[in-house]
Amino acid sequence: MPETPVPADCVFMARQLSKVYGAGPTAVHALRGVDLCIVQGELVVLLGASGSGKSTLLNILGGLDSASSGTAQWFEHGQGHELTGASDAELTQYRREHVGFVFQFYNLIPSLTARENVALVTDMARDPMPPQEALALVGLAHRLDHFVAQLSGGEQQRVAIARAIAKRPQVLLCDEPTGALDCATGIVVLQAIEKVNRELGTTTVVITHNAPIANMADRVMRMADGRIAGIERNPHKVAAATLHW
């Protein structure tokens, strides 16, 4: 059976991607033959319960983990680059230059200000956004010189988003970005992610177990038992500001 052609605007392509932790009767099959294509500029939500394989898939696409079998590629200007089989040095360069990560916990340095936390990334980037510009994009222009302890949880998460986008990544990968936040604060964070996707055109993947968040996506990929159980395009994508859970 011939392989499906790669769309011209493809950013990620996975074919029969599998991940097994351990061996024998205690082996955990985190991914079971995942096929997907994510295209330039879209906002995708990976939706599923805890243990469905969402984080494992995101970590492989982000170069943080390796697959047991199958293939995963990322594309730049139509040129495919293998993630499966790439060396540690190649994956480090890929993460540094092309991927922005946002996690449930913010991983900020308490002794630094918001501006200084973002500058840690811009000091290593090829074509960075000024820290104050990245912070303004997520609505924190007035909090540049506040320390972490002076910021709310939602503000800290927005600093983490600013830090992720300041190197102008090709893709933004968000793992339960609202998981530690209440609804009202989480919506503010989702609005920041939405704005980055819309204004910078950054291909964005958000993983969540929270079904209402799927309504802000261009496409929703539902995961269960290590597989993609369904892919739907939102006919009426809604603004993050209108969400509630």
C-alpha atoms as a PDB file:
ATOM      1  CA  MET A   1       0.000   0.000   0.000  1.00  0.00           C
ATOM      2  CA  PRO A   2       1.615   3.326  -1.039  1.00  0.00           C
ATOM      3  CA  GLU A   3       2.414   5.918   1.613  1.00  0.00           C
ATOM      4  CA  THR A   4       0.226   8.988   1.854  1.00  0.00           C
ATOM      5  CA  PRO A   5       1.937  11.962   0.163  1.00  0.00           C
ATOM      6  CA  VAL A   6       3.252  14.614   2.532  1.00  0.00           C
ATOM      7  CA  PRO A   7       1.249  17.876   2.254  1.00  0.00           C
ATOM      8  CA  ALA A   8       3.325  20.878   1.178  1.00  0.00           C
ATOM      9  CA  ASP A   9       2.522  22.728   4.407  1.00  0.00           C
ATOM     10  CA  CYS A  10       3.226  19.782   6.729  1.00  0.00           C
ATOM     11  CA  VAL A  11       5.203  20.538   9.904  1.00  0.00           C
ATOM     12  CA  PHE A  12       4.999  17.122  11.613  1.00  0.00           C
ATOM     13  CA  MET A  13       4.423  13.721  10.057  1.00  0.00           C
ATOM     14  CA  ALA A  14       4.228  10.490  12.067  1.00  0.00           C
ATOM     15  CA  ARG A  15       3.712   7.029  10.623  1.00  0.00           C
ATOM     16  CA  GLN A  16       3.021   3.966  12.772  1.00  0.00           C
ATOM     17  CA  LEU A  17       4.682   5.666  15.723  1.00  0.00           C
ATOM     18  CA  SER A  18       4.935   3.405  18.767  1.00  0.00           C
ATOM     19  CA  LYS A  19       6.521   3.711  22.199  1.00  0.00           C
ATOM     20  CA  VAL A  20       6.987   0.907  24.705  1.00  0.00           C
ATOM     21  CA  TYR A  21       8.432   1.412  28.168  1.00  0.00           C
ATOM     22  CA  GLY A  22       9.971  -1.665  29.732  1.00  0.00           C
ATOM     23  CA  ALA A  23       9.794  -5.239  28.447  1.00  0.00           C
ATOM     24  CA  GLY A  24       7.970  -8.497  28.983  1.00  0.00           C
ATOM     25  CA  PRO A  25       4.681  -8.752  30.860  1.00  0.00           C
ATOM     26  CA  THR A  26       5.235  -5.433  32.640  1.00  0.00           C
ATOM     27  CA  ALA A  27       5.816  -3.462  29.410  1.00  0.00           C
ATOM     28  CA  VAL A  28       3.745  -0.297  29.017  1.00  0.00           C
ATOM     29  CA  HIS A  29       2.566   0.487  25.473  1.00  0.00           C
ATOM     30  CA  ALA A  30       2.308   4.280  25.583  1.00  0.00           C
ATOM     31  CA  LEU A  31       1.806   4.703  21.813  1.00  0.00           C
ATOM     32  CA  ARG A  32       0.395   2.101  19.435  1.00  0.00           C
ATOM     33  CA  GLY A  33       0.891   2.884  15.744  1.00  0.00           C
ATOM     34  CA  VAL A  34       0.064   6.608  15.630  1.00  0.00           C
ATOM     35  CA  ASP A  35      -0.321   8.280  12.225  1.00  0.00           C
ATOM     36  CA  LEU A  36      -0.709  12.050  12.009  1.00  0.00           C
ATOM     37  CA  CYS A  37       0.072  15.174  10.031  1.00  0.00           C
ATOM     38  CA  ILE A  38       0.114  18.639  11.576  1.00  0.00           C
ATOM     39  CA  VAL A  39       0.272  21.561   9.156  1.00  0.00           C
ATOM     40  CA  GLN A  40       1.791  25.008   9.300  1.00  0.00           C
ATOM     41  CA  GLY A  41       0.003  27.595  11.409  1.00  0.00           C
ATOM     42  CA  GLU A  42      -2.771  25.436  12.822  1.00  0.00           C
ATOM     43  CA  LEU A  43      -3.755  25.114  16.461  1.00  0.00           C
ATOM     44  CA  VAL A  44      -4.247  21.453  17.353  1.00  0.00           C
ATOM     45  CA  VAL A  45      -5.603  20.117  20.639  1.00  0.00           C
ATOM     46  CA  LEU A  46      -4.645  16.584  21.658  1.00  0.00           C
ATOM     47  CA  LEU A  47      -7.505  15.542  23.917  1.00  0.00           C
ATOM     48  CA  GLY A  48      -7.574  12.476  26.106  1.00  0.00           C
ATOM     49  CA  ALA A  49      -7.576  11.052  29.605  1.00  0.00           C
ATOM     50  CA  SER A  50      -4.451  10.651  31.685  1.00  0.00           C
ATOM     51  CA  GLY A  51      -2.425   7.734  30.311  1.00  0.00           C
ATOM     52  CA  SER A  52      -3.819   7.970  26.783  1.00  0.00           C
ATOM     53  CA  GLY A  53      -0.397   8.759  25.274  1.00  0.00           C
ATOM     54  CA  LYS A  54      -0.689  12.536  24.810  1.00  0.00           C
ATOM     55  CA  SER A  55       2.494  13.545  26.624  1.00  0.00           C
ATOM     56  CA  THR A  56       4.520  10.710  25.099  1.00  0.00           C
ATOM     57  CA  LEU A  57       3.474  11.808  21.601  1.00  0.00           C
ATOM     58  CA  LEU A  58       4.259  15.456  22.350  1.00  0.00           C
ATOM     59  CA  ASN A  59       7.653  14.543  23.810  1.00  0.00           C
ATOM     60  CA  ILE A  60       8.618  12.566  20.700  1.00  0.00           C
ATOM     61  CA  LEU A  61       7.516  15.402  18.384  1.00  0.00           C
ATOM     62  CA  GLY A  62       9.477  17.826  20.564  1.00  0.00           C
ATOM     63  CA  GLY A  63      12.641  15.750  20.530  1.00  0.00           C
ATOM     64  CA  LEU A  64      12.490  14.998  24.265  1.00  0.00           C
ATOM     65  CA  ASP A  65      11.863  11.266  23.876  1.00  0.00           C
ATOM     66  CA  SER A  66      12.516   8.596  21.270  1.00  0.00           C
ATOM     67  CA  ALA A  67      10.108   6.199  19.593  1.00  0.00           C
ATOM     68  CA  SER A  68      10.359   2.417  19.837  1.00  0.00           C
ATOM     69  CA  SER A  69       9.243   1.977  16.217  1.00  0.00           C
ATOM     70  CA  GLY A  70       7.693   3.902  13.359  1.00  0.00           C
ATOM     71  CA  THR A  71       8.829   7.257  12.019  1.00  0.00           C
ATOM     72  CA  ALA A  72       8.431  10.905  12.972  1.00  0.00           C
ATOM     73  CA  GLN A  73       9.616  13.833  10.868  1.00  0.00           C
ATOM     74  CA  TRP A  74       9.518  17.598  11.139  1.00  0.00           C
ATOM     75  CA  PHE A  75       9.564  19.810   8.068  1.00  0.00           C
ATOM     76  CA  GLU A  76      11.132  23.189   7.400  1.00  0.00           C
ATOM     77  CA  HIS A  77      10.564  24.885   4.029  1.00  0.00           C
ATOM     78  CA  GLY A  78       9.252  21.577   2.705  1.00  0.00           C
ATOM     79  CA  GLN A  79      12.402  19.696   3.684  1.00  0.00           C
ATOM     80  CA  GLY A  80      11.857  16.677   5.933  1.00  0.00           C
ATOM     81  CA  HIS A  81      14.117  15.941   8.905  1.00  0.00           C
ATOM     82  CA  GLU A  82      14.029  12.648  10.806  1.00  0.00           C
ATOM     83  CA  LEU A  83      13.303  12.759  14.524  1.00  0.00           C
ATOM     84  CA  THR A  84      13.351   8.988  14.877  1.00  0.00           C
ATOM     85  CA  GLY A  85      16.987   7.974  14.669  1.00  0.00           C
ATOM     86  CA  ALA A  86      18.364  11.490  15.138  1.00  0.00           C
ATOM     87  CA  SER A  87      21.433  11.815  17.364  1.00  0.00           C
ATOM     88  CA  ASP A  88      21.327  13.511  20.765  1.00  0.00           C
ATOM     89  CA  ALA A  89      23.242  16.459  19.307  1.00  0.00           C
ATOM     90  CA  GLU A  90      20.778  16.801  16.425  1.00  0.00           C
ATOM     91  CA  LEU A  91      17.796  16.667  18.790  1.00  0.00           C
ATOM     92  CA  THR A  92      19.386  19.267  21.075  1.00  0.00           C
ATOM     93  CA  GLN A  93      19.861  21.623  18.138  1.00  0.00           C
ATOM     94  CA  TYR A  94      16.298  20.956  16.966  1.00  0.00           C
ATOM     95  CA  ARG A  95      14.846  21.767  20.394  1.00  0.00           C
ATOM     96  CA  ARG A  96      16.996  24.856  20.783  1.00  0.00           C
ATOM     97  CA  GLU A  97      16.255  26.349  17.387  1.00  0.00           C
ATOM     98  CA  HIS A  98      12.774  25.206  16.403  1.00  0.00           C
ATOM     99  CA  VAL A  99      10.628  24.256  19.410  1.00  0.00           C
ATOM    100  CA  GLY A 100       9.085  26.230  22.247  1.00  0.00           C
ATOM    101  CA  PHE A 101       7.800  24.241  25.229  1.00  0.00           C
ATOM    102  CA  VAL A 102       5.162  25.181  27.805  1.00  0.00           C
ATOM    103  CA  PHE A 103       4.532  22.745  30.654  1.00  0.00           C
ATOM    104  CA  GLN A 104       1.973  22.526  33.453  1.00  0.00           C
ATOM    105  CA  PHE A 105       4.581  23.786  35.906  1.00  0.00           C
ATOM    106  CA  TYR A 106       6.318  26.980  34.936  1.00  0.00           C
ATOM    107  CA  ASN A 107      10.000  26.156  35.668  1.00  0.00           C
ATOM    108  CA  LEU A 108      10.924  29.803  36.201  1.00  0.00           C
ATOM    109  CA  ILE A 109      14.002  30.875  38.175  1.00  0.00           C
ATOM    110  CA  PRO A 110      12.744  32.652  41.338  1.00  0.00           C
ATOM    111  CA  SER A 111      15.795  34.878  41.737  1.00  0.00           C
ATOM    112  CA  LEU A 112      15.265  36.435  38.292  1.00  0.00           C
ATOM    113  CA  THR A 113      12.664  38.920  37.079  1.00  0.00           C
ATOM    114  CA  ALA A 114      10.172  38.148  34.328  1.00  0.00           C
ATOM    115  CA  ARG A 115      12.393  39.931  31.805  1.00  0.00           C
ATOM    116  CA  GLU A 116      15.492  38.040  32.982  1.00  0.00           C
ATOM    117  CA  ASN A 117      13.723  34.663  32.810  1.00  0.00           C
ATOM    118  CA  VAL A 118      12.856  35.324  29.170  1.00  0.00           C
ATOM    119  CA  ALA A 119      16.357  36.655  28.424  1.00  0.00           C
ATOM    120  CA  LEU A 120      17.839  33.279  29.383  1.00  0.00           C
ATOM    121  CA  VAL A 121      16.411  31.914  26.139  1.00  0.00           C
ATOM    122  CA  THR A 122      17.067  34.939  23.937  1.00  0.00           C
ATOM    123  CA  ASP A 123      20.755  34.873  24.851  1.00  0.00           C
ATOM    124  CA  MET A 124      21.014  31.488  23.061  1.00  0.00           C
ATOM    125  CA  ALA A 125      18.682  32.101  20.095  1.00  0.00           C
ATOM    126  CA  ARG A 126      19.718  32.939  16.534  1.00  0.00           C
ATOM    127  CA  ASP A 127      17.105  35.630  15.917  1.00  0.00           C
ATOM    128  CA  PRO A 128      15.418  36.336  19.244  1.00  0.00           C
ATOM    129  CA  MET A 129      12.505  38.566  20.032  1.00  0.00           C
ATOM    130  CA  PRO A 130      13.416  41.188  22.664  1.00  0.00           C
ATOM    131  CA  PRO A 131      12.218  39.917  26.079  1.00  0.00           C
ATOM    132  CA  GLN A 132      10.016  42.970  26.579  1.00  0.00           C
ATOM    133  CA  GLU A 133       8.333  42.345  23.211  1.00  0.00           C
ATOM    134  CA  ALA A 134       7.622  38.706  24.059  1.00  0.00           C
ATOM    135  CA  LEU A 135       6.202  39.681  27.449  1.00  0.00           C
ATOM    136  CA  ALA A 136       4.060  42.418  25.889  1.00  0.00           C
ATOM    137  CA  LEU A 137       2.618  39.842  23.472  1.00  0.00           C
ATOM    138  CA  VAL A 138       1.278  37.833  26.430  1.00  0.00           C
ATOM    139  CA  GLY A 139      -0.037  40.931  28.232  1.00  0.00           C
ATOM    140  CA  LEU A 140       2.781  41.419  30.736  1.00  0.00           C
ATOM    141  CA  ALA A 141       4.404  44.645  29.552  1.00  0.00           C
ATOM    142  CA  HIS A 142       3.686  46.114  32.991  1.00  0.00           C
ATOM    143  CA  ARG A 143       5.354  43.231  34.890  1.00  0.00           C
ATOM    144  CA  LEU A 144       8.794  43.132  33.235  1.00  0.00           C
ATOM    145  CA  ASP A 145      10.828  43.709  36.372  1.00  0.00           C
ATOM    146  CA  HIS A 146       8.744  41.761  38.873  1.00  0.00           C
ATOM    147  CA  PHE A 147      10.244  38.675  40.470  1.00  0.00           C
ATOM    148  CA  VAL A 148       8.521  35.295  40.229  1.00  0.00           C
ATOM    149  CA  ALA A 149       7.164  35.494  43.788  1.00  0.00           C
ATOM    150  CA  GLN A 150       5.459  38.791  42.893  1.00  0.00           C
ATOM    151  CA  LEU A 151       3.504  37.169  40.038  1.00  0.00           C
ATOM    152  CA  SER A 152       0.284  35.160  40.188  1.00  0.00           C
ATOM    153  CA  GLY A 153       0.163  31.614  38.837  1.00  0.00           C
ATOM    154  CA  GLY A 154      -1.397  32.776  35.597  1.00  0.00           C
ATOM    155  CA  GLU A 155       1.216  35.506  35.186  1.00  0.00           C
ATOM    156  CA  GLN A 156       3.991  32.993  35.787  1.00  0.00           C
ATOM    157  CA  GLN A 157       2.565  30.723  33.102  1.00  0.00           C
ATOM    158  CA  ARG A 158       2.422  33.658  30.693  1.00  0.00           C
ATOM    159  CA  VAL A 159       6.084  34.390  31.445  1.00  0.00           C
ATOM    160  CA  ALA A 160       6.748  30.750  30.536  1.00  0.00           C
ATOM    161  CA  ILE A 161       4.903  31.262  27.241  1.00  0.00           C
ATOM    162  CA  ALA A 162       6.879  34.453  26.553  1.00  0.00           C
ATOM    163  CA  ARG A 163      10.099  32.546  27.247  1.00  0.00           C
ATOM    164  CA  ALA A 164       9.021  29.791  24.834  1.00  0.00           C
ATOM    165  CA  ILE A 165       8.157  32.144  21.971  1.00  0.00           C
ATOM    166  CA  ALA A 166      11.032  34.612  22.401  1.00  0.00           C
ATOM    167  CA  LYS A 167      13.321  32.480  20.238  1.00  0.00           C
ATOM    168  CA  ARG A 168      10.687  32.613  17.464  1.00  0.00           C
ATOM    169  CA  PRO A 169      10.146  28.831  17.355  1.00  0.00           C
ATOM    170  CA  GLN A 170       8.561  27.079  14.423  1.00  0.00           C
ATOM    171  CA  VAL A 171       6.274  25.169  16.788  1.00  0.00           C
ATOM    172  CA  LEU A 172       4.871  25.735  20.280  1.00  0.00           C
ATOM    173  CA  LEU A 173       4.152  22.556  22.245  1.00  0.00           C
ATOM    174  CA  CYS A 174       2.001  22.982  25.361  1.00  0.00           C
ATOM    175  CA  ASP A 175       1.535  20.145  27.867  1.00  0.00           C
ATOM    176  CA  GLU A 176      -1.503  20.802  30.105  1.00  0.00           C
ATOM    177  CA  PRO A 177      -0.730  24.558  30.246  1.00  0.00           C
ATOM    178  CA  THR A 178      -3.819  25.268  32.379  1.00  0.00           C
ATOM    179  CA  GLY A 179      -3.583  22.157  34.549  1.00  0.00           C
ATOM    180  CA  ALA A 180      -2.478  24.048  37.672  1.00  0.00           C
ATOM    181  CA  LEU A 181      -4.845  26.982  37.183  1.00  0.00           C
ATOM    182  CA  ASP A 182      -8.487  27.798  37.897  1.00  0.00           C
ATOM    183  CA  CYS A 183     -10.857  28.406  34.993  1.00  0.00           C
ATOM    184  CA  ALA A 184     -10.644  32.212  34.883  1.00  0.00           C
ATOM    185  CA  THR A 185      -6.843  32.228  35.077  1.00  0.00           C
ATOM    186  CA  GLY A 186      -6.565  29.349  32.621  1.00  0.00           C
ATOM    187  CA  ILE A 187      -8.605  31.258  30.052  1.00  0.00           C
ATOM    188  CA  VAL A 188      -6.179  34.192  30.250  1.00  0.00           C
ATOM    189  CA  VAL A 189      -3.314  31.772  29.575  1.00  0.00           C
ATOM    190  CA  LEU A 190      -5.196  30.197  26.648  1.00  0.00           C
ATOM    191  CA  GLN A 191      -5.829  33.661  25.220  1.00  0.00           C
ATOM    192  CA  ALA A 192      -2.058  34.229  25.236  1.00  0.00           C
ATOM    193  CA  ILE A 193      -1.482  30.940  23.401  1.00  0.00           C
ATOM    194  CA  GLU A 194      -4.263  31.805  20.947  1.00  0.00           C
ATOM    195  CA  LYS A 195      -2.690  35.211  20.283  1.00  0.00           C
ATOM    196  CA  VAL A 196       0.741  33.699  19.591  1.00  0.00           C
ATOM    197  CA  ASN A 197      -0.809  31.264  17.123  1.00  0.00           C
ATOM    198  CA  ARG A 198      -2.844  33.976  15.409  1.00  0.00           C
ATOM    199  CA  GLU A 199      -0.344  36.853  15.297  1.00  0.00           C
ATOM    200  CA  LEU A 200       2.943  34.980  14.844  1.00  0.00           C
ATOM    201  CA  GLY A 201       1.545  32.066  12.850  1.00  0.00           C
ATOM    202  CA  THR A 202       3.289  29.622  15.190  1.00  0.00           C
ATOM    203  CA  THR A 203       2.104  26.051  14.720  1.00  0.00           C
ATOM    204  CA  THR A 204       0.682  25.180  18.146  1.00  0.00           C
ATOM    205  CA  VAL A 205      -0.162  21.883  19.815  1.00  0.00           C
ATOM    206  CA  VAL A 206      -1.962  21.900  23.175  1.00  0.00           C
ATOM    207  CA  ILE A 207      -2.534  18.695  25.107  1.00  0.00           C
ATOM    208  CA  THR A 208      -5.286  18.560  27.693  1.00  0.00           C
ATOM    209  CA  HIS A 209      -7.762  16.231  29.391  1.00  0.00           C
ATOM    210  CA  ASN A 210     -10.189  19.180  29.584  1.00  0.00           C
ATOM    211  CA  ALA A 211     -12.790  18.753  26.814  1.00  0.00           C
ATOM    212  CA  PRO A 212     -14.029  22.396  26.584  1.00  0.00           C
ATOM    213  CA  ILE A 213     -10.517  23.567  25.588  1.00  0.00           C
ATOM    214  CA  ALA A 214     -10.880  21.561  22.356  1.00  0.00           C
ATOM    215  CA  ASN A 215     -13.387  24.152  21.109  1.00  0.00           C
ATOM    216  CA  MET A 216     -10.605  26.711  20.483  1.00  0.00           C
ATOM    217  CA  ALA A 217      -8.681  24.384  18.142  1.00  0.00           C
ATOM    218  CA  ASP A 218      -8.598  24.234  14.369  1.00  0.00           C
ATOM    219  CA  ARG A 219      -8.469  20.441  14.749  1.00  0.00           C
ATOM    220  CA  VAL A 220      -8.974  18.074  17.664  1.00  0.00           C
ATOM    221  CA  MET A 221      -7.132  14.755  17.859  1.00  0.00           C
ATOM    222  CA  ARG A 222      -8.725  12.475  20.448  1.00  0.00           C
ATOM    223  CA  MET A 223      -6.381   9.954  22.037  1.00  0.00           C
ATOM    224  CA  ALA A 224      -7.218   6.730  23.874  1.00  0.00           C
ATOM    225  CA  ASP A 225      -5.041   3.774  24.845  1.00  0.00           C
ATOM    226  CA  GLY A 226      -2.024   5.049  22.918  1.00  0.00           C
ATOM    227  CA  ARG A 227      -3.934   5.557  19.690  1.00  0.00           C
ATOM    228  CA  ILE A 228      -5.572   8.458  17.895  1.00  0.00           C
ATOM    229  CA  ALA A 229      -9.212   7.497  18.262  1.00  0.00           C
ATOM    230  CA  GLY A 230     -10.520  10.295  16.049  1.00  0.00           C
ATOM    231  CA  ILE A 231      -9.611  13.551  14.324  1.00  0.00           C
ATOM    232  CA  GLU A 232     -12.168  16.322  13.908  1.00  0.00           C
ATOM    233  CA  ARG A 233     -11.992  19.781  12.384  1.00  0.00           C
ATOM    234  CA  ASN A 234     -13.906  22.371  14.389  1.00  0.00           C
ATOM    235  CA  PRO A 235     -16.566  23.820  12.072  1.00  0.00           C
ATOM    236  CA  HIS A 236     -16.961  26.765  14.438  1.00  0.00           C
ATOM    237  CA  LYS A 237     -13.708  27.446  16.232  1.00  0.00           C
ATOM    238  CA  VAL A 238     -14.425  29.603  19.296  1.00  0.00           C
ATOM    239  CA  ALA A 239     -12.381  32.260  21.045  1.00  0.00           C
ATOM    240  CA  ALA A 240     -10.579  31.210  24.223  1.00  0.00           C
ATOM    241  CA  ALA A 241     -12.322  34.052  26.083  1.00  0.00           C
ATOM    242  CA  THR A 242     -15.682  32.282  25.650  1.00  0.00           C
ATOM    243  CA  LEU A 243     -14.584  28.942  27.155  1.00  0.00           C
ATOM    244  CA  HIS A 244     -15.741  27.674  30.520  1.00  0.00           C
ATOM    245  CA  TRP A 245     -15.148  24.576  32.590  1.00  0.00           C
END
